[in-house]
Amino acid sequence: MWGLLGEGGCFLFDVLHLQKPFEHRLELCDTRGELRMVWERDLDRATGVIDSVGHFLHEGYRARFLVRAYSVEEITGMLRSVGFPRVDCCPTLDFQNPHPNPPTLYYRCLK
């Protein structure tokens, strides 16, 4: 990404965050406040792998995912090592509203 961005360019993405404490159950609602998904999750702290079962309530199915979560220090270190001098992270895309323990974080890297 570093090589593709022009001066002043921005690389924006989100990553599963290693929460402390880790939330084993997440309930996600739509914009009307209606419950849409329930995630049941287990974390292997040695590997950072999260074993998740997502219950998609309105669609009527469930799915299992094995995904890797990262600490802020891991992501920031990787990005700085490839040349990004400024790395910001926040649980919301406006990069202004802190959250004490978000399951995902957005990262903004400026060249």
Protein backbone atom coordinates (compact mmCIF):
# COMPACT_ATOMS: atom_id res chain seq x y z
CA MET A 1 0.00 0.00 0.00
CA TRP A 2 2.81 2.40 0.84
CA GLY A 3 4.10 2.31 -2.74
CA LEU A 4 0.63 2.82 -4.25
CA LEU A 5 -0.25 5.91 -2.25
CA GLY A 6 0.69 9.39 -3.38
CA GLU A 7 2.05 11.94 -0.92
CA GLY A 8 -0.69 12.76 1.60
CA GLY A 9 -2.59 9.57 0.64
CA CYS A 10 -4.66 7.64 3.18
CA PHE A 11 -4.93 3.87 3.74
CA LEU A 12 -8.08 2.99 5.72
CA PHE A 13 -9.10 -0.48 6.93
CA ASP A 14 -10.57 -2.34 9.90
CA VAL A 15 -9.24 -5.30 11.89
CA LEU A 16 -10.55 -7.52 14.66
CA HIS A 17 -9.13 -6.21 17.92
CA LEU A 18 -7.79 -8.29 20.81
CA GLN A 19 -10.17 -7.01 23.44
CA LYS A 20 -9.29 -6.87 27.13
CA PRO A 21 -11.47 -8.27 28.56
CA PHE A 22 -12.52 -10.40 25.62
CA GLU A 23 -16.27 -10.43 24.92
CA HIS A 24 -17.46 -13.99 24.34
CA ARG A 25 -20.90 -12.88 23.17
CA LEU A 26 -21.65 -9.95 20.86
CA GLU A 27 -25.14 -8.81 19.91
CA LEU A 28 -25.41 -6.60 16.83
CA CYS A 29 -28.47 -4.51 16.03
CA ASP A 30 -29.53 -2.70 12.88
CA THR A 31 -30.14 1.06 12.69
CA ARG A 32 -33.67 0.55 14.09
CA GLY A 33 -32.27 -1.21 17.16
CA GLU A 34 -33.51 -4.63 16.05
CA LEU A 35 -31.25 -7.55 16.93
CA ARG A 36 -29.73 -8.95 13.71
CA MET A 37 -26.75 -11.10 14.70
CA VAL A 38 -25.41 -12.87 17.74
CA TRP A 39 -21.77 -13.95 17.84
CA GLU A 40 -20.54 -16.60 20.26
CA ARG A 41 -16.75 -16.45 20.39
CA ASP A 42 -13.73 -18.05 22.02
CA LEU A 43 -10.20 -16.64 21.91
CA ASP A 44 -6.94 -18.56 21.91
CA ARG A 45 -4.69 -15.89 23.45
CA ALA A 46 -1.52 -17.78 22.46
CA THR A 47 -2.32 -17.49 18.73
CA GLY A 48 -4.80 -14.61 18.63
CA VAL A 49 -7.28 -16.84 16.79
CA ILE A 50 -10.97 -16.24 17.46
CA ASP A 51 -13.33 -19.16 16.89
CA SER A 52 -16.73 -17.58 16.18
CA VAL A 53 -20.21 -18.84 15.46
CA GLY A 54 -22.42 -16.17 13.98
CA HIS A 55 -26.19 -16.53 14.28
CA PHE A 56 -27.79 -14.53 11.45
CA LEU A 57 -31.25 -14.21 12.92
CA HIS A 58 -33.24 -12.74 10.02
CA GLU A 59 -31.56 -14.90 7.41
CA GLY A 60 -32.12 -18.06 9.45
CA TYR A 61 -28.65 -19.57 9.37
CA ARG A 62 -25.43 -19.72 11.33
CA ALA A 63 -21.83 -19.85 10.20
CA ARG A 64 -18.49 -20.59 11.84
CA PHE A 65 -15.40 -18.48 11.30
CA LEU A 66 -11.81 -18.85 12.46
CA VAL A 67 -10.14 -15.44 12.29
CA ARG A 68 -7.01 -13.78 13.64
CA ALA A 69 -7.30 -10.74 15.88
CA TYR A 70 -4.46 -8.29 16.48
CA SER A 71 -3.41 -5.92 19.21
CA VAL A 72 -3.04 -2.21 18.51
CA GLU A 73 0.70 -2.59 19.09
CA GLU A 74 0.98 -5.39 16.48
CA ILE A 75 -0.84 -3.45 13.76
CA THR A 76 0.87 -0.14 14.53
CA GLY A 77 4.29 -1.82 14.54
CA MET A 78 3.68 -3.51 11.18
CA LEU A 79 2.50 -0.30 9.56
CA ARG A 80 5.34 1.82 10.91
CA SER A 81 7.89 -0.78 9.83
CA VAL A 82 6.80 -0.36 6.19
CA GLY A 83 7.03 3.43 6.31
CA PHE A 84 3.74 4.89 7.57
CA PRO A 85 4.79 7.70 9.93
CA ARG A 86 1.26 8.36 11.21
CA VAL A 87 -1.13 5.60 12.26
CA ASP A 88 -4.42 6.39 14.00
CA CYS A 89 -6.99 3.90 15.27
CA CYS A 90 -10.56 4.29 16.49
CA PRO A 91 -13.71 2.14 16.74
CA THR A 92 -15.64 4.59 14.54
CA LEU A 93 -14.92 5.97 11.08
CA ASP A 94 -15.02 9.57 12.31
CA PHE A 95 -11.90 8.88 14.43
CA GLN A 96 -13.37 10.96 17.24
CA ASN A 97 -15.58 8.68 19.34
CA PRO A 98 -13.56 6.48 21.67
CA HIS A 99 -14.97 3.15 22.84
CA PRO A 100 -13.54 1.42 25.91
CA ASN A 101 -13.30 -2.09 24.42
CA PRO A 102 -14.35 -2.39 20.76
CA PRO A 103 -14.37 -5.76 18.94
CA THR A 104 -12.97 -4.08 15.79
CA LEU A 105 -10.84 -1.02 15.16
CA TYR A 106 -10.47 1.18 12.10
CA TYR A 107 -6.94 2.18 11.17
CA ARG A 108 -6.03 5.30 9.22
CA CYS A 109 -2.49 5.54 7.89
CA LEU A 110 -1.28 8.74 6.25
CA LYS A 111 1.71 8.95 3.94
